[in-house]
Amino acid sequence: MGKHRAPRRAKKQAETTVATIPPVPRILVVEDDPETALFAVHVLTRRGQFEVVHTADPAEALRLVTDERWDLVLTDVEMPGMTGIELLAALRLVAPSLPVAVTSAHVLDGTLTSLLGHADDYLEKPLRVDSLIACVTALIGQGRRPATDAGL
């Protein structure tokens, strides 16, 4: 008698699913006050799980935005060399779809408020953890609002 073999079972094809993990959102913090910068970077990195880069130099920030991909810029209004308002205007020229949030320790008057109308959001200093995370998360989620006729 010959050998009897059990029928071979078809090998199950291994199903491989490649999950695409979205890149971690990148935030550029432009702040000349070391304590505020350290606080913002710490909160956004640890609590928000964002990739955060800090520079105290607005001109360097402009170069970084021109050369790299960013999801948000968080900038102070009052800085030496180039103000946050001047940086905001320059950012609108090189990266019009990039959301920008502006921070200030001072109560804003009508003129400054109208200039800040080109920003996507405003945060008052001292920064608070909950409002910083909420602002950044919302802006990254929605992206830049379309410019109006009066805006840049």
N, C-alpha and C. Protein backbone atom coordinates (compact mmCIF):
# COMPACT_ATOMS: atom_id res chain seq x y z
N MET A 1 0.83 -1.18 0.00
CA MET A 1 0.00 0.00 0.00
C MET A 1 0.86 1.22 0.00
N GLY A 2 0.37 2.19 -0.68
CA GLY A 2 1.10 3.46 -0.77
C GLY A 2 0.82 4.34 0.43
N LYS A 3 1.65 5.32 0.54
CA LYS A 3 1.48 6.26 1.64
C LYS A 3 0.31 7.17 1.34
N HIS A 4 -0.44 7.44 2.34
CA HIS A 4 -1.58 8.35 2.18
C HIS A 4 -1.24 9.67 2.86
N ARG A 5 -1.32 10.72 2.13
CA ARG A 5 -1.03 12.05 2.68
C ARG A 5 -2.32 12.81 2.87
N ALA A 6 -2.34 13.54 3.93
CA ALA A 6 -3.47 14.43 4.16
C ALA A 6 -3.37 15.57 3.16
N PRO A 7 -4.51 16.00 2.70
CA PRO A 7 -4.46 17.11 1.74
C PRO A 7 -3.80 18.34 2.38
N ARG A 8 -3.00 19.00 1.58
CA ARG A 8 -2.34 20.22 2.07
C ARG A 8 -3.35 21.34 2.21
N ARG A 9 -3.18 22.03 3.29
CA ARG A 9 -4.04 23.19 3.50
C ARG A 9 -3.40 24.38 2.81
N ALA A 10 -4.24 25.13 2.23
CA ALA A 10 -3.72 26.32 1.55
C ALA A 10 -3.15 27.27 2.60
N LYS A 11 -1.97 27.76 2.33
CA LYS A 11 -1.36 28.71 3.26
C LYS A 11 -2.12 30.01 3.20
N LYS A 12 -2.41 30.48 4.36
CA LYS A 12 -3.14 31.74 4.45
C LYS A 12 -2.19 32.88 4.07
N GLN A 13 -2.63 33.70 3.16
CA GLN A 13 -1.83 34.86 2.76
C GLN A 13 -1.75 35.81 3.94
N ALA A 14 -0.56 36.19 4.24
CA ALA A 14 -0.38 37.16 5.32
C ALA A 14 -0.86 38.52 4.84
N GLU A 15 -1.78 39.06 5.61
CA GLU A 15 -2.28 40.39 5.26
C GLU A 15 -1.45 41.42 6.00
N THR A 16 -0.88 42.28 5.23
CA THR A 16 -0.10 43.34 5.86
C THR A 16 -0.78 44.67 5.58
N THR A 17 -1.01 45.34 6.66
CA THR A 17 -1.61 46.65 6.56
C THR A 17 -0.59 47.65 7.06
N VAL A 18 -0.30 48.59 6.22
CA VAL A 18 0.65 49.62 6.61
C VAL A 18 -0.14 50.83 7.05
N ALA A 19 0.00 51.14 8.30
CA ALA A 19 -0.69 52.32 8.84
C ALA A 19 0.20 53.53 8.61
N THR A 20 -0.37 54.53 8.02
CA THR A 20 0.40 55.75 7.83
C THR A 20 0.18 56.64 9.05
N ILE A 21 1.25 56.91 9.69
CA ILE A 21 1.20 57.76 10.87
C ILE A 21 1.42 59.20 10.41
N PRO A 22 0.47 60.08 10.70
CA PRO A 22 0.66 61.46 10.27
C PRO A 22 1.87 62.06 10.97
N PRO A 23 2.56 62.96 10.29
CA PRO A 23 3.72 63.57 10.92
C PRO A 23 3.30 64.39 12.14
N VAL A 24 4.19 64.45 13.10
CA VAL A 24 3.94 65.25 14.30
C VAL A 24 3.91 66.71 13.87
N PRO A 25 2.88 67.45 14.25
CA PRO A 25 2.82 68.87 13.87
C PRO A 25 4.04 69.63 14.40
N ARG A 26 4.54 70.53 13.56
CA ARG A 26 5.73 71.32 13.89
C ARG A 26 5.33 72.76 14.19
N ILE A 27 5.83 73.25 15.31
CA ILE A 27 5.53 74.62 15.73
C ILE A 27 6.84 75.38 15.89
N LEU A 28 6.86 76.58 15.34
CA LEU A 28 8.00 77.47 15.49
C LEU A 28 7.61 78.55 16.49
N VAL A 29 8.33 78.61 17.61
CA VAL A 29 8.09 79.61 18.64
C VAL A 29 9.13 80.72 18.47
N VAL A 30 8.64 81.95 18.29
CA VAL A 30 9.52 83.11 18.13
C VAL A 30 9.30 84.00 19.35
N GLU A 31 10.24 83.96 20.25
CA GLU A 31 10.08 84.63 21.54
C GLU A 31 11.44 85.04 22.08
N ASP A 32 11.60 86.31 22.43
CA ASP A 32 12.89 86.78 22.94
C ASP A 32 13.02 86.66 24.45
N ASP A 33 11.94 86.47 25.18
CA ASP A 33 12.01 86.29 26.62
C ASP A 33 12.30 84.83 26.93
N PRO A 34 13.46 84.53 27.54
CA PRO A 34 13.84 83.13 27.77
C PRO A 34 12.85 82.34 28.62
N GLU A 35 12.28 82.95 29.64
CA GLU A 35 11.34 82.23 30.50
C GLU A 35 10.05 81.87 29.77
N THR A 36 9.53 82.82 29.01
CA THR A 36 8.30 82.56 28.23
C THR A 36 8.57 81.51 27.17
N ALA A 37 9.72 81.60 26.53
CA ALA A 37 10.07 80.63 25.49
C ALA A 37 10.18 79.22 26.08
N LEU A 38 10.87 79.11 27.21
CA LEU A 38 11.03 77.81 27.87
C LEU A 38 9.68 77.23 28.27
N PHE A 39 8.81 78.07 28.81
CA PHE A 39 7.47 77.63 29.20
C PHE A 39 6.70 77.12 27.97
N ALA A 40 6.67 77.92 26.90
CA ALA A 40 5.92 77.54 25.70
C ALA A 40 6.46 76.25 25.09
N VAL A 41 7.77 76.15 24.97
CA VAL A 41 8.37 74.94 24.39
C VAL A 41 8.05 73.73 25.26
N HIS A 42 8.17 73.87 26.57
CA HIS A 42 7.90 72.76 27.48
C HIS A 42 6.43 72.30 27.37
N VAL A 43 5.52 73.24 27.44
CA VAL A 43 4.09 72.90 27.39
C VAL A 43 3.74 72.25 26.05
N LEU A 44 4.20 72.84 24.96
CA LEU A 44 3.83 72.33 23.64
C LEU A 44 4.48 70.98 23.34
N THR A 45 5.67 70.77 23.86
CA THR A 45 6.36 69.49 23.64
C THR A 45 5.81 68.40 24.54
N ARG A 46 5.71 68.68 25.82
CA ARG A 46 5.31 67.66 26.80
C ARG A 46 3.81 67.42 26.83
N ARG A 47 3.05 68.49 26.92
CA ARG A 47 1.59 68.34 27.03
C ARG A 47 0.93 68.20 25.67
N GLY A 48 1.43 68.95 24.70
CA GLY A 48 0.80 68.93 23.39
C GLY A 48 1.34 67.88 22.44
N GLN A 49 2.50 67.31 22.77
CA GLN A 49 3.14 66.30 21.93
C GLN A 49 3.48 66.82 20.53
N PHE A 50 3.85 68.09 20.45
CA PHE A 50 4.24 68.70 19.19
C PHE A 50 5.75 68.72 19.07
N GLU A 51 6.24 68.83 17.85
CA GLU A 51 7.66 69.09 17.64
C GLU A 51 7.80 70.61 17.66
N VAL A 52 8.64 71.12 18.53
CA VAL A 52 8.75 72.56 18.73
C VAL A 52 10.19 73.01 18.56
N VAL A 53 10.36 74.09 17.81
CA VAL A 53 11.65 74.72 17.65
C VAL A 53 11.50 76.16 18.10
N HIS A 54 12.49 76.65 18.85
CA HIS A 54 12.45 78.02 19.33
C HIS A 54 13.59 78.84 18.73
N THR A 55 13.28 80.07 18.40
CA THR A 55 14.29 81.06 18.05
C THR A 55 13.88 82.38 18.67
N ALA A 56 14.87 83.14 19.11
CA ALA A 56 14.60 84.48 19.65
C ALA A 56 14.73 85.54 18.56
N ASP A 57 15.16 85.13 17.39
CA ASP A 57 15.45 86.05 16.28
C ASP A 57 14.39 85.96 15.19
N PRO A 58 13.59 87.03 15.00
CA PRO A 58 12.55 87.00 13.97
C PRO A 58 13.10 86.78 12.55
N ALA A 59 14.28 87.32 12.27
CA ALA A 59 14.87 87.12 10.93
C ALA A 59 15.19 85.64 10.71
N GLU A 60 15.69 84.98 11.76
CA GLU A 60 15.96 83.54 11.69
C GLU A 60 14.65 82.77 11.51
N ALA A 61 13.61 83.21 12.19
CA ALA A 61 12.30 82.57 12.05
C ALA A 61 11.81 82.65 10.61
N LEU A 62 11.98 83.80 10.00
CA LEU A 62 11.57 83.97 8.61
C LEU A 62 12.34 83.03 7.69
N ARG A 63 13.64 82.89 7.94
CA ARG A 63 14.45 81.97 7.15
C ARG A 63 13.97 80.52 7.35
N LEU A 64 13.71 80.14 8.60
CA LEU A 64 13.23 78.79 8.89
C LEU A 64 11.90 78.49 8.20
N VAL A 65 11.00 79.46 8.21
CA VAL A 65 9.70 79.26 7.56
C VAL A 65 9.87 79.13 6.05
N THR A 66 10.81 79.86 5.50
CA THR A 66 11.06 79.79 4.05
C THR A 66 11.66 78.44 3.66
N ASP A 67 12.51 77.88 4.53
CA ASP A 67 13.26 76.67 4.20
C ASP A 67 12.62 75.36 4.64
N GLU A 68 11.71 75.39 5.60
CA GLU A 68 11.17 74.16 6.17
C GLU A 68 9.65 74.18 6.24
N ARG A 69 9.08 72.99 6.52
CA ARG A 69 7.63 72.85 6.67
C ARG A 69 7.26 73.09 8.13
N TRP A 70 6.26 73.95 8.34
CA TRP A 70 5.76 74.25 9.68
C TRP A 70 4.25 74.19 9.66
N ASP A 71 3.67 73.86 10.80
CA ASP A 71 2.22 73.82 10.92
C ASP A 71 1.67 75.05 11.63
N LEU A 72 2.55 75.76 12.34
CA LEU A 72 2.12 76.93 13.08
C LEU A 72 3.34 77.74 13.52
N VAL A 73 3.17 79.06 13.55
CA VAL A 73 4.15 79.95 14.16
C VAL A 73 3.46 80.64 15.33
N LEU A 74 4.15 80.64 16.48
CA LEU A 74 3.69 81.34 17.67
C LEU A 74 4.73 82.42 17.93
N THR A 75 4.34 83.69 17.78
CA THR A 75 5.32 84.77 17.90
C THR A 75 4.88 85.84 18.89
N ASP A 76 5.87 86.42 19.55
CA ASP A 76 5.66 87.56 20.42
C ASP A 76 5.48 88.80 19.55
N VAL A 77 4.82 89.83 20.09
CA VAL A 77 4.65 91.08 19.35
C VAL A 77 5.89 91.95 19.47
N GLU A 78 6.38 92.09 20.69
CA GLU A 78 7.49 93.01 20.94
C GLU A 78 8.81 92.27 21.04
N MET A 79 9.64 92.45 20.00
CA MET A 79 10.96 91.84 19.97
C MET A 79 11.94 92.85 19.36
N PRO A 80 13.20 92.75 19.75
CA PRO A 80 14.19 93.66 19.16
C PRO A 80 14.49 93.28 17.71
N GLY A 81 14.82 94.28 16.94
CA GLY A 81 15.20 94.04 15.55
C GLY A 81 14.02 94.06 14.60
N MET A 82 13.13 93.12 14.75
CA MET A 82 11.91 93.02 13.93
C MET A 82 10.77 92.70 14.88
N THR A 83 9.72 93.47 14.83
CA THR A 83 8.60 93.19 15.72
C THR A 83 7.81 91.99 15.21
N GLY A 84 6.97 91.47 16.09
CA GLY A 84 6.10 90.38 15.68
C GLY A 84 5.14 90.78 14.57
N ILE A 85 4.75 92.05 14.55
CA ILE A 85 3.86 92.55 13.49
C ILE A 85 4.59 92.55 12.15
N GLU A 86 5.85 92.99 12.17
CA GLU A 86 6.65 92.97 10.93
C GLU A 86 6.90 91.53 10.48
N LEU A 87 7.17 90.65 11.43
CA LEU A 87 7.35 89.24 11.10
C LEU A 87 6.07 88.66 10.51
N LEU A 88 4.95 88.99 11.11
CA LEU A 88 3.65 88.51 10.62
C LEU A 88 3.43 88.93 9.17
N ALA A 89 3.71 90.20 8.86
CA ALA A 89 3.55 90.69 7.48
C ALA A 89 4.47 89.93 6.52
N ALA A 90 5.70 89.69 6.94
CA ALA A 90 6.65 88.95 6.09
C ALA A 90 6.22 87.50 5.91
N LEU A 91 5.70 86.89 6.98
CA LEU A 91 5.23 85.51 6.90
C LEU A 91 4.07 85.38 5.92
N ARG A 92 3.19 86.36 5.90
CA ARG A 92 2.05 86.32 4.98
C ARG A 92 2.49 86.35 3.52
N LEU A 93 3.66 86.93 3.27
CA LEU A 93 4.19 86.97 1.90
C LEU A 93 4.83 85.63 1.51
N VAL A 94 5.58 85.01 2.42
CA VAL A 94 6.31 83.79 2.07
C VAL A 94 5.51 82.52 2.34
N ALA A 95 4.57 82.57 3.28
CA ALA A 95 3.78 81.38 3.63
C ALA A 95 2.36 81.81 4.00
N PRO A 96 1.58 82.25 3.01
CA PRO A 96 0.26 82.80 3.32
C PRO A 96 -0.71 81.81 3.97
N SER A 97 -0.50 80.51 3.80
CA SER A 97 -1.42 79.54 4.39
C SER A 97 -0.99 79.06 5.77
N LEU A 98 0.13 79.54 6.26
CA LEU A 98 0.65 79.12 7.57
C LEU A 98 -0.07 79.85 8.69
N PRO A 99 -0.71 79.11 9.62
CA PRO A 99 -1.36 79.77 10.75
C PRO A 99 -0.33 80.45 11.67
N VAL A 100 -0.68 81.63 12.15
CA VAL A 100 0.20 82.38 13.05
C VAL A 100 -0.62 82.87 14.24
N ALA A 101 -0.13 82.55 15.44
CA ALA A 101 -0.72 83.06 16.67
C ALA A 101 0.27 84.05 17.26
N VAL A 102 -0.25 85.15 17.79
CA VAL A 102 0.57 86.24 18.32
C VAL A 102 0.34 86.34 19.82
N THR A 103 1.43 86.62 20.55
CA THR A 103 1.33 86.79 22.00
C THR A 103 1.81 88.18 22.39
N SER A 104 1.25 88.71 23.47
CA SER A 104 1.70 90.00 23.99
C SER A 104 1.37 90.09 25.48
N ALA A 105 2.23 90.79 26.20
CA ALA A 105 2.01 91.02 27.63
C ALA A 105 1.22 92.29 27.87
N HIS A 106 0.97 93.06 26.81
CA HIS A 106 0.32 94.36 26.94
C HIS A 106 -1.10 94.33 26.40
N VAL A 107 -1.93 95.14 26.99
CA VAL A 107 -3.28 95.33 26.47
C VAL A 107 -3.13 96.03 25.12
N LEU A 108 -3.83 95.53 24.15
CA LEU A 108 -3.66 96.06 22.80
C LEU A 108 -4.62 97.22 22.53
N ASP A 109 -4.07 98.28 21.92
CA ASP A 109 -4.93 99.40 21.53
C ASP A 109 -5.56 99.10 20.17
N GLY A 110 -6.42 99.98 19.69
CA GLY A 110 -7.15 99.77 18.44
C GLY A 110 -6.26 99.59 17.23
N THR A 111 -5.18 100.38 17.13
CA THR A 111 -4.28 100.29 15.97
C THR A 111 -3.59 98.94 15.94
N LEU A 112 -3.05 98.55 17.07
CA LEU A 112 -2.35 97.27 17.12
C LEU A 112 -3.32 96.12 16.91
N THR A 113 -4.51 96.25 17.43
CA THR A 113 -5.52 95.20 17.24
C THR A 113 -5.86 95.04 15.76
N SER A 114 -5.95 96.13 15.02
CA SER A 114 -6.25 96.02 13.59
C SER A 114 -5.09 95.38 12.84
N LEU A 115 -3.86 95.68 13.25
CA LEU A 115 -2.71 95.03 12.63
C LEU A 115 -2.70 93.54 12.93
N LEU A 116 -3.10 93.19 14.14
CA LEU A 116 -3.15 91.79 14.53
C LEU A 116 -4.30 91.05 13.86
N GLY A 117 -5.15 91.78 13.19
CA GLY A 117 -6.24 91.15 12.44
C GLY A 117 -5.71 90.19 11.39
N HIS A 118 -4.43 90.34 11.04
CA HIS A 118 -3.81 89.43 10.08
C HIS A 118 -3.33 88.15 10.74
N ALA A 119 -3.33 88.14 12.06
CA ALA A 119 -2.96 86.93 12.80
C ALA A 119 -4.19 86.03 12.89
N ASP A 120 -3.94 84.75 13.13
CA ASP A 120 -5.05 83.80 13.23
C ASP A 120 -5.60 83.71 14.65
N ASP A 121 -4.77 84.07 15.62
CA ASP A 121 -5.24 84.08 17.01
C ASP A 121 -4.29 84.95 17.83
N TYR A 122 -4.76 85.34 19.01
CA TYR A 122 -3.99 86.18 19.92
C TYR A 122 -4.05 85.56 21.31
N LEU A 123 -2.88 85.47 21.97
CA LEU A 123 -2.81 84.98 23.33
C LEU A 123 -2.17 86.04 24.21
N GLU A 124 -2.78 86.28 25.36
CA GLU A 124 -2.25 87.26 26.29
C GLU A 124 -1.26 86.58 27.24
N LYS A 125 -0.17 87.30 27.52
CA LYS A 125 0.80 86.81 28.49
C LYS A 125 0.39 87.29 29.88
N PRO A 126 0.67 86.55 30.90
CA PRO A 126 1.41 85.29 30.88
C PRO A 126 0.58 84.18 30.23
N LEU A 127 1.27 83.35 29.46
CA LEU A 127 0.58 82.25 28.78
C LEU A 127 0.05 81.27 29.82
N ARG A 128 -1.10 80.69 29.52
CA ARG A 128 -1.70 79.68 30.39
C ARG A 128 -1.71 78.36 29.63
N VAL A 129 -1.43 77.30 30.33
CA VAL A 129 -1.31 75.98 29.70
C VAL A 129 -2.54 75.64 28.88
N ASP A 130 -3.73 75.73 29.49
CA ASP A 130 -4.95 75.32 28.80
C ASP A 130 -5.24 76.15 27.56
N SER A 131 -5.08 77.46 27.65
CA SER A 131 -5.38 78.30 26.49
C SER A 131 -4.32 78.14 25.40
N LEU A 132 -3.07 77.92 25.77
CA LEU A 132 -2.00 77.70 24.79
C LEU A 132 -2.26 76.43 24.00
N ILE A 133 -2.54 75.34 24.71
CA ILE A 133 -2.81 74.06 24.04
C ILE A 133 -4.06 74.16 23.18
N ALA A 134 -5.12 74.78 23.69
CA ALA A 134 -6.37 74.90 22.93
C ALA A 134 -6.17 75.72 21.66
N CYS A 135 -5.48 76.82 21.78
CA CYS A 135 -5.23 77.70 20.63
C CYS A 135 -4.43 76.97 19.54
N VAL A 136 -3.33 76.38 19.95
CA VAL A 136 -2.44 75.70 19.01
C VAL A 136 -3.13 74.52 18.35
N THR A 137 -3.81 73.72 19.13
CA THR A 137 -4.51 72.56 18.59
C THR A 137 -5.57 72.97 17.58
N ALA A 138 -6.33 74.01 17.90
CA ALA A 138 -7.38 74.47 16.99
C ALA A 138 -6.78 75.01 15.69
N LEU A 139 -5.75 75.82 15.80
CA LEU A 139 -5.16 76.41 14.60
C LEU A 139 -4.52 75.35 13.70
N ILE A 140 -3.85 74.41 14.28
CA ILE A 140 -3.24 73.35 13.47
C ILE A 140 -4.34 72.50 12.82
N GLY A 141 -5.41 72.26 13.56
CA GLY A 141 -6.51 71.46 13.02
C GLY A 141 -7.24 72.12 11.87
N GLN A 142 -7.42 73.42 11.94
CA GLN A 142 -8.18 74.12 10.90
C GLN A 142 -7.31 74.73 9.83
N GLY A 143 -6.04 74.94 10.11
CA GLY A 143 -5.17 75.58 9.13
C GLY A 143 -5.47 77.06 9.05
N ARG A 144 -4.88 77.73 8.12
CA ARG A 144 -5.04 79.18 7.95
C ARG A 144 -6.39 79.49 7.35
N ARG A 145 -7.08 80.45 7.96
CA ARG A 145 -8.34 80.92 7.39
C ARG A 145 -8.04 81.68 6.10
N PRO A 146 -8.94 81.61 5.13
CA PRO A 146 -8.72 82.37 3.91
C PRO A 146 -8.64 83.86 4.21
N ALA A 147 -7.78 84.56 3.49
CA ALA A 147 -7.63 86.01 3.68
C ALA A 147 -8.89 86.71 3.20
N THR A 148 -9.23 87.78 3.90
CA THR A 148 -10.37 88.60 3.48
C THR A 148 -9.85 89.71 2.59
N ASP A 149 -10.75 90.48 2.03
CA ASP A 149 -10.33 91.61 1.19
C ASP A 149 -9.52 92.62 1.99
N ALA A 150 -9.84 92.76 3.27
CA ALA A 150 -9.13 93.72 4.10
C ALA A 150 -7.83 93.13 4.63
N GLY A 151 -7.72 91.78 4.67
CA GLY A 151 -6.55 91.12 5.23
C GLY A 151 -5.46 90.93 4.22
N LEU A 152 -4.37 90.36 4.68
CA LEU A 152 -3.25 90.07 3.77
C LEU A 152 -3.48 88.78 3.06
